[in-house]
Amino acid sequence: MTATKHVSQEHIEIVEGVSGPKARILGHRIRVKDIVSWHEHQQASVDEIVELFPQLTHGDVYAALAYYWDHKAEIDASMAADEAFVEEMRRSAPPSRFQEMLKQRGLR
């Protein structure tokens, strides 16, 4: 067994979900792709993530990042699919009451 597999099994679990299996922190509902988003896209440090989510350990966060780099293409594809879904929902949803009020007042 390699060190990566041991770390992943100690900190990461794969759970079945509606749209397929998801990697998440063992014993928590926080997904690996959430950690990746906070660290890679929002530039949060490992210390900042642990501070925001004190139920996580530094080992949990580093294991999630290691898991991401070992499964980068798969997780990137999942994140892109999530973004495409949100964008499609935005495009197809009718304007909210708030948006309508802004439009009526010429603020949008």
N, C-alpha and C. Protein backbone atom coordinates (compact mmCIF):
# COMPACT_ATOMS: atom_id res chain seq x y z
N MET A 1 0.84 -1.17 0.00
CA MET A 1 0.00 0.00 0.00
C MET A 1 0.89 1.24 0.00
N THR A 2 0.58 2.18 -0.87
CA THR A 2 1.38 3.41 -0.92
C THR A 2 0.92 4.37 0.16
N ALA A 3 1.78 5.33 0.45
CA ALA A 3 1.45 6.33 1.47
C ALA A 3 0.20 7.12 1.09
N THR A 4 0.06 7.46 -0.20
CA THR A 4 -1.10 8.22 -0.64
C THR A 4 -2.39 7.45 -0.37
N LYS A 5 -2.42 6.18 -0.68
CA LYS A 5 -3.62 5.39 -0.43
C LYS A 5 -3.91 5.32 1.06
N HIS A 6 -2.88 5.17 1.88
CA HIS A 6 -3.08 5.11 3.33
C HIS A 6 -3.66 6.43 3.84
N VAL A 7 -3.09 7.55 3.42
CA VAL A 7 -3.59 8.86 3.84
C VAL A 7 -5.02 9.04 3.37
N SER A 8 -5.29 8.71 2.12
CA SER A 8 -6.64 8.87 1.59
C SER A 8 -7.64 8.01 2.36
N GLN A 9 -7.29 6.79 2.67
CA GLN A 9 -8.22 5.91 3.39
C GLN A 9 -8.41 6.36 4.83
N GLU A 10 -7.42 6.99 5.40
CA GLU A 10 -7.50 7.46 6.78
C GLU A 10 -8.35 8.72 6.89
N HIS A 11 -8.36 9.55 5.84
CA HIS A 11 -9.02 10.84 5.91
C HIS A 11 -10.16 11.03 4.91
N ILE A 12 -10.20 10.24 3.87
CA ILE A 12 -11.16 10.44 2.78
C ILE A 12 -12.06 9.22 2.65
N GLU A 13 -13.36 9.48 2.42
CA GLU A 13 -14.29 8.40 2.14
C GLU A 13 -15.03 8.72 0.84
N ILE A 14 -15.45 7.69 0.17
CA ILE A 14 -16.23 7.83 -1.05
C ILE A 14 -17.66 7.43 -0.71
N VAL A 15 -18.59 8.35 -0.94
CA VAL A 15 -20.00 8.08 -0.65
C VAL A 15 -20.80 8.17 -1.94
N GLU A 16 -21.79 7.33 -2.05
CA GLU A 16 -22.66 7.36 -3.22
C GLU A 16 -23.61 8.54 -3.09
N GLY A 17 -23.82 9.20 -4.19
CA GLY A 17 -24.72 10.35 -4.22
C GLY A 17 -25.62 10.29 -5.42
N VAL A 18 -26.51 11.25 -5.51
CA VAL A 18 -27.47 11.29 -6.61
C VAL A 18 -26.77 11.31 -7.96
N SER A 19 -25.73 12.12 -8.07
CA SER A 19 -25.03 12.23 -9.35
C SER A 19 -23.71 11.46 -9.35
N GLY A 20 -23.65 10.39 -8.58
CA GLY A 20 -22.45 9.55 -8.58
C GLY A 20 -21.68 9.66 -7.27
N PRO A 21 -20.61 8.90 -7.18
CA PRO A 21 -19.82 8.89 -5.94
C PRO A 21 -19.11 10.22 -5.71
N LYS A 22 -18.97 10.57 -4.43
CA LYS A 22 -18.32 11.81 -4.05
C LYS A 22 -17.26 11.52 -3.00
N ALA A 23 -16.11 12.14 -3.16
CA ALA A 23 -15.04 12.02 -2.16
C ALA A 23 -15.27 13.12 -1.13
N ARG A 24 -15.26 12.73 0.15
CA ARG A 24 -15.42 13.72 1.20
C ARG A 24 -14.56 13.36 2.40
N ILE A 25 -14.42 14.31 3.32
CA ILE A 25 -13.64 14.09 4.52
C ILE A 25 -14.36 13.02 5.36
N LEU A 26 -13.63 12.02 5.76
CA LEU A 26 -14.18 10.91 6.53
C LEU A 26 -14.92 11.43 7.77
N GLY A 27 -16.19 11.04 7.88
CA GLY A 27 -16.98 11.42 9.04
C GLY A 27 -17.59 12.81 8.98
N HIS A 28 -17.42 13.50 7.84
CA HIS A 28 -17.96 14.85 7.68
C HIS A 28 -18.69 14.94 6.35
N ARG A 29 -19.44 15.99 6.17
CA ARG A 29 -20.15 16.20 4.91
C ARG A 29 -19.38 17.11 3.96
N ILE A 30 -18.19 17.49 4.35
CA ILE A 30 -17.37 18.39 3.54
C ILE A 30 -16.67 17.59 2.45
N ARG A 31 -16.93 17.98 1.21
CA ARG A 31 -16.39 17.26 0.06
C ARG A 31 -14.97 17.72 -0.26
N VAL A 32 -14.23 16.83 -0.90
CA VAL A 32 -12.88 17.17 -1.36
C VAL A 32 -12.95 18.38 -2.27
N LYS A 33 -13.93 18.44 -3.16
CA LYS A 33 -13.99 19.57 -4.08
C LYS A 33 -14.32 20.87 -3.37
N ASP A 34 -14.95 20.82 -2.19
CA ASP A 34 -15.15 22.04 -1.39
C ASP A 34 -13.80 22.56 -0.90
N ILE A 35 -13.00 21.64 -0.36
CA ILE A 35 -11.66 22.01 0.11
C ILE A 35 -10.85 22.60 -1.04
N VAL A 36 -10.90 21.96 -2.19
CA VAL A 36 -10.15 22.43 -3.36
C VAL A 36 -10.61 23.83 -3.75
N SER A 37 -11.90 24.04 -3.77
CA SER A 37 -12.43 25.35 -4.14
C SER A 37 -11.94 26.43 -3.18
N TRP A 38 -12.01 26.16 -1.89
CA TRP A 38 -11.56 27.14 -0.90
C TRP A 38 -10.07 27.42 -1.04
N HIS A 39 -9.29 26.35 -1.24
CA HIS A 39 -7.84 26.51 -1.27
C HIS A 39 -7.34 27.03 -2.60
N GLU A 40 -7.78 26.43 -3.68
CA GLU A 40 -7.25 26.78 -5.01
C GLU A 40 -7.92 28.01 -5.62
N HIS A 41 -9.23 28.14 -5.45
CA HIS A 41 -9.96 29.22 -6.14
C HIS A 41 -10.17 30.45 -5.26
N GLN A 42 -10.36 30.23 -3.95
CA GLN A 42 -10.56 31.37 -3.06
C GLN A 42 -9.28 31.73 -2.29
N GLN A 43 -8.21 31.00 -2.57
CA GLN A 43 -6.89 31.28 -2.00
C GLN A 43 -6.84 31.19 -0.48
N ALA A 44 -7.69 30.35 0.13
CA ALA A 44 -7.65 30.15 1.57
C ALA A 44 -6.50 29.20 1.90
N SER A 45 -5.74 29.53 2.91
CA SER A 45 -4.65 28.65 3.33
C SER A 45 -5.23 27.46 4.10
N VAL A 46 -4.42 26.44 4.30
CA VAL A 46 -4.84 25.29 5.09
C VAL A 46 -5.21 25.75 6.49
N ASP A 47 -4.40 26.62 7.08
CA ASP A 47 -4.70 27.14 8.42
C ASP A 47 -6.05 27.87 8.44
N GLU A 48 -6.34 28.66 7.41
CA GLU A 48 -7.61 29.38 7.35
C GLU A 48 -8.79 28.42 7.24
N ILE A 49 -8.64 27.36 6.45
CA ILE A 49 -9.71 26.38 6.31
C ILE A 49 -9.98 25.70 7.64
N VAL A 50 -8.92 25.31 8.35
CA VAL A 50 -9.08 24.67 9.66
C VAL A 50 -9.69 25.65 10.67
N GLU A 51 -9.34 26.91 10.56
CA GLU A 51 -9.91 27.92 11.46
C GLU A 51 -11.41 28.09 11.21
N LEU A 52 -11.80 28.09 9.93
CA LEU A 52 -13.21 28.22 9.57
C LEU A 52 -14.02 26.97 9.89
N PHE A 53 -13.37 25.82 9.82
CA PHE A 53 -14.02 24.54 10.07
C PHE A 53 -13.20 23.77 11.10
N PRO A 54 -13.33 24.13 12.37
CA PRO A 54 -12.47 23.54 13.40
C PRO A 54 -12.68 22.04 13.62
N GLN A 55 -13.75 21.50 13.04
CA GLN A 55 -13.94 20.05 13.13
C GLN A 55 -12.96 19.30 12.22
N LEU A 56 -12.31 20.02 11.31
CA LEU A 56 -11.31 19.43 10.43
C LEU A 56 -9.93 19.57 11.04
N THR A 57 -9.07 18.62 10.69
CA THR A 57 -7.67 18.71 11.10
C THR A 57 -6.84 19.14 9.89
N HIS A 58 -5.62 19.56 10.17
CA HIS A 58 -4.72 19.88 9.07
C HIS A 58 -4.53 18.64 8.19
N GLY A 59 -4.45 17.48 8.82
CA GLY A 59 -4.31 16.23 8.06
C GLY A 59 -5.47 15.99 7.13
N ASP A 60 -6.70 16.31 7.58
CA ASP A 60 -7.87 16.17 6.72
C ASP A 60 -7.74 17.03 5.47
N VAL A 61 -7.35 18.28 5.68
CA VAL A 61 -7.27 19.23 4.56
C VAL A 61 -6.15 18.84 3.60
N TYR A 62 -4.98 18.51 4.15
CA TYR A 62 -3.87 18.09 3.28
C TYR A 62 -4.21 16.80 2.55
N ALA A 63 -4.92 15.87 3.21
CA ALA A 63 -5.32 14.62 2.54
C ALA A 63 -6.28 14.92 1.40
N ALA A 64 -7.20 15.85 1.62
CA ALA A 64 -8.14 16.23 0.57
C ALA A 64 -7.40 16.82 -0.63
N LEU A 65 -6.41 17.66 -0.35
CA LEU A 65 -5.64 18.25 -1.45
C LEU A 65 -4.80 17.19 -2.16
N ALA A 66 -4.24 16.24 -1.41
CA ALA A 66 -3.49 15.14 -2.03
C ALA A 66 -4.42 14.29 -2.88
N TYR A 67 -5.60 14.01 -2.35
CA TYR A 67 -6.58 13.22 -3.11
C TYR A 67 -6.94 13.95 -4.41
N TYR A 68 -7.13 15.26 -4.31
CA TYR A 68 -7.44 16.05 -5.50
C TYR A 68 -6.35 15.89 -6.56
N TRP A 69 -5.10 16.04 -6.17
CA TRP A 69 -4.02 15.96 -7.16
C TRP A 69 -3.89 14.56 -7.74
N ASP A 70 -4.27 13.54 -6.98
CA ASP A 70 -4.26 12.17 -7.49
C ASP A 70 -5.45 11.89 -8.41
N HIS A 71 -6.52 12.70 -8.31
CA HIS A 71 -7.75 12.50 -9.08
C HIS A 71 -8.19 13.80 -9.75
N LYS A 72 -7.23 14.62 -10.15
CA LYS A 72 -7.47 15.96 -10.64
C LYS A 72 -8.45 16.03 -11.81
N ALA A 73 -8.25 15.23 -12.82
CA ALA A 73 -9.12 15.30 -14.00
C ALA A 73 -10.57 14.99 -13.64
N GLU A 74 -10.77 13.98 -12.83
CA GLU A 74 -12.11 13.57 -12.42
C GLU A 74 -12.80 14.68 -11.59
N ILE A 75 -12.09 15.24 -10.63
CA ILE A 75 -12.67 16.27 -9.77
C ILE A 75 -12.87 17.57 -10.54
N ASP A 76 -11.93 17.94 -11.39
CA ASP A 76 -12.10 19.14 -12.22
C ASP A 76 -13.33 19.00 -13.12
N ALA A 77 -13.54 17.81 -13.69
CA ALA A 77 -14.71 17.59 -14.54
C ALA A 77 -16.00 17.71 -13.73
N SER A 78 -16.00 17.19 -12.53
CA SER A 78 -17.17 17.29 -11.66
C SER A 78 -17.46 18.75 -11.30
N MET A 79 -16.42 19.51 -11.00
CA MET A 79 -16.60 20.91 -10.66
C MET A 79 -17.10 21.71 -11.87
N ALA A 80 -16.60 21.40 -13.04
CA ALA A 80 -17.06 22.08 -14.26
C ALA A 80 -18.52 21.74 -14.54
N ALA A 81 -18.92 20.50 -14.32
CA ALA A 81 -20.31 20.10 -14.51
C ALA A 81 -21.22 20.83 -13.52
N ASP A 82 -20.77 20.98 -12.29
CA ASP A 82 -21.54 21.73 -11.29
C ASP A 82 -21.73 23.18 -11.73
N GLU A 83 -20.65 23.80 -12.19
CA GLU A 83 -20.72 25.20 -12.64
C GLU A 83 -21.66 25.34 -13.84
N ALA A 84 -21.61 24.39 -14.78
CA ALA A 84 -22.48 24.43 -15.95
C ALA A 84 -23.94 24.29 -15.53
N PHE A 85 -24.22 23.43 -14.57
CA PHE A 85 -25.58 23.23 -14.08
C PHE A 85 -26.11 24.52 -13.45
N VAL A 86 -25.30 25.16 -12.61
CA VAL A 86 -25.72 26.40 -11.95
C VAL A 86 -25.98 27.48 -13.00
N GLU A 87 -25.10 27.59 -13.98
CA GLU A 87 -25.28 28.59 -15.03
C GLU A 87 -26.56 28.33 -15.83
N GLU A 88 -26.84 27.09 -16.13
CA GLU A 88 -28.07 26.74 -16.86
C GLU A 88 -29.30 27.10 -16.03
N MET A 89 -29.25 26.83 -14.73
CA MET A 89 -30.37 27.18 -13.86
C MET A 89 -30.57 28.69 -13.82
N ARG A 90 -29.47 29.43 -13.78
CA ARG A 90 -29.57 30.90 -13.80
C ARG A 90 -30.24 31.40 -15.07
N ARG A 91 -29.82 30.84 -16.19
CA ARG A 91 -30.36 31.27 -17.48
C ARG A 91 -31.83 30.92 -17.62
N SER A 92 -32.24 29.77 -17.11
CA SER A 92 -33.61 29.32 -17.33
C SER A 92 -34.59 29.76 -16.24
N ALA A 93 -34.11 30.28 -15.13
CA ALA A 93 -34.99 30.70 -14.04
C ALA A 93 -35.62 32.05 -14.35
N PRO A 94 -36.89 32.21 -14.00
CA PRO A 94 -37.50 33.52 -14.19
C PRO A 94 -36.89 34.52 -13.21
N PRO A 95 -36.99 35.81 -13.51
CA PRO A 95 -36.44 36.81 -12.59
C PRO A 95 -37.14 36.74 -11.23
N SER A 96 -36.39 36.99 -10.19
CA SER A 96 -36.97 37.01 -8.84
C SER A 96 -37.79 38.29 -8.66
N ARG A 97 -38.59 38.34 -7.61
CA ARG A 97 -39.35 39.56 -7.31
C ARG A 97 -38.41 40.73 -7.10
N PHE A 98 -37.28 40.46 -6.43
CA PHE A 98 -36.30 41.51 -6.18
C PHE A 98 -35.73 42.04 -7.50
N GLN A 99 -35.39 41.15 -8.41
CA GLN A 99 -34.87 41.57 -9.71
C GLN A 99 -35.91 42.39 -10.47
N GLU A 100 -37.17 41.97 -10.39
CA GLU A 100 -38.25 42.70 -11.06
C GLU A 100 -38.40 44.11 -10.47
N MET A 101 -38.31 44.22 -9.14
CA MET A 101 -38.42 45.52 -8.48
C MET A 101 -37.28 46.43 -8.92
N LEU A 102 -36.06 45.88 -8.99
CA LEU A 102 -34.92 46.68 -9.45
C LEU A 102 -35.13 47.15 -10.87
N LYS A 103 -35.65 46.28 -11.72
CA LYS A 103 -35.88 46.62 -13.12
C LYS A 103 -36.94 47.71 -13.24
N GLN A 104 -38.00 47.60 -12.46
CA GLN A 104 -39.07 48.59 -12.49
C GLN A 104 -38.58 49.96 -12.05
N ARG A 105 -37.63 49.98 -11.16
CA ARG A 105 -37.09 51.25 -10.67
C ARG A 105 -35.91 51.74 -11.50
N GLY A 106 -35.60 50.99 -12.55
CA GLY A 106 -34.51 51.40 -13.43
C GLY A 106 -33.12 51.20 -12.83
N LEU A 107 -33.04 50.33 -11.84
CA LEU A 107 -31.75 50.08 -11.18
C LEU A 107 -31.03 48.87 -11.75
N ARG A 108 -31.62 48.24 -12.72
CA ARG A 108 -30.96 47.08 -13.30
C ARG A 108 -31.19 47.04 -14.78
